[in-house]
């Protein structure tokens, strides 16, 4: 199974806010794919640390969503 990691996308988000970060993926090979969305919160506030139930002030906070299944069909 091949894996592709998209990284180094940095976004400043105000505390307790949400944003949408749009991007486009181009699939060259038809098939079924699974996309996983995850984020690491650097320097979280005390409120975010409490919501994440972090046990250490130096512990990073990881956020994940359920996987997205994508089926790519061949096009002419």
Protein backbone atom coordinates (compact mmCIF):
# COMPACT_ATOMS: atom_id res chain seq x y z
CA UNK A 1 0.00 0.00 0.00
CA UNK A 2 1.46 3.37 -1.01
CA UNK A 3 1.12 6.31 1.34
CA UNK A 4 1.30 10.00 0.62
CA UNK A 5 1.63 12.52 3.43
CA UNK A 6 0.75 16.16 2.97
CA UNK A 7 2.54 18.15 5.65
CA UNK A 8 3.95 21.56 6.47
CA UNK A 9 0.60 23.33 6.22
CA UNK A 10 0.56 25.92 8.99
CA UNK A 11 -2.54 27.91 9.83
CA UNK A 12 -3.06 30.42 12.65
CA UNK A 13 -6.46 29.87 14.29
CA UNK A 14 -7.85 32.02 17.12
CA UNK A 15 -8.53 30.06 20.34
CA UNK A 16 -11.75 28.03 20.32
CA UNK A 17 -12.44 28.91 16.68
CA UNK A 18 -12.82 26.78 13.57
CA UNK A 19 -11.64 27.41 10.04
CA UNK A 20 -11.88 25.62 6.72
CA UNK A 21 -8.65 24.98 4.85
CA UNK A 22 -9.46 24.02 1.27
CA UNK A 23 -7.13 22.10 -0.98
CA UNK A 24 -7.38 20.00 -4.11
CA UNK A 25 -6.18 16.45 -4.68
CA UNK A 26 -5.67 15.01 -8.16
CA UNK A 27 -5.76 11.22 -8.46
CA UNK A 28 -4.00 9.81 -11.51
CA UNK A 29 -4.85 6.17 -10.81
CA UNK A 30 -8.47 5.02 -10.44
CA UNK A 31 -9.22 3.06 -7.29
CA UNK A 32 -10.34 3.37 -3.70
CA UNK A 33 -8.52 5.69 -1.34
CA UNK A 34 -8.79 6.52 2.35
CA UNK A 35 -8.06 10.08 3.47
CA UNK A 36 -7.20 10.84 7.08
CA UNK A 37 -7.36 14.35 8.47
CA UNK A 38 -5.26 15.19 11.51
CA UNK A 39 -3.73 18.23 13.18
CA UNK A 40 -1.27 18.99 15.94
CA UNK A 41 -1.92 21.98 18.19
CA UNK A 42 1.32 23.72 19.16
CA UNK A 43 1.32 25.76 22.38
CA UNK A 44 -2.32 25.12 23.30
CA UNK A 45 -4.09 27.32 25.82
CA UNK A 46 -5.12 25.98 29.23
CA UNK A 47 -8.72 25.72 27.98
CA UNK A 48 -7.72 23.57 24.97
CA UNK A 49 -5.43 21.48 27.17
CA UNK A 50 -8.31 20.83 29.58
CA UNK A 51 -10.71 19.93 26.75
CA UNK A 52 -8.14 17.48 25.34
CA UNK A 53 -7.54 16.05 28.85
CA UNK A 54 -3.80 16.55 28.43
CA UNK A 55 -1.77 15.37 31.41
CA UNK A 56 1.43 17.32 30.77
CA UNK A 57 2.01 20.98 29.83
CA UNK A 58 4.56 19.91 27.22
CA UNK A 59 2.32 17.21 25.72
CA UNK A 60 1.21 18.04 22.14
CA UNK A 61 -2.49 17.82 21.35
CA UNK A 62 -3.49 15.71 18.34
CA UNK A 63 -6.86 16.11 16.63
CA UNK A 64 -8.24 13.55 14.18
CA UNK A 65 -11.40 13.05 12.20
CA UNK A 66 -12.90 9.78 11.02
CA UNK A 67 -11.43 8.58 7.70
CA UNK A 68 -12.98 9.63 4.41
CA UNK A 69 -13.41 6.97 1.75
CA UNK A 70 -12.93 8.13 -1.83
CA UNK A 71 -13.60 6.07 -4.94
CA UNK A 72 -11.95 7.40 -8.10
CA UNK A 73 -13.45 6.28 -11.41
CA UNK A 74 -11.63 6.28 -14.72
CA UNK A 75 -12.55 9.23 -16.96
CA UNK A 76 -11.93 9.71 -20.65
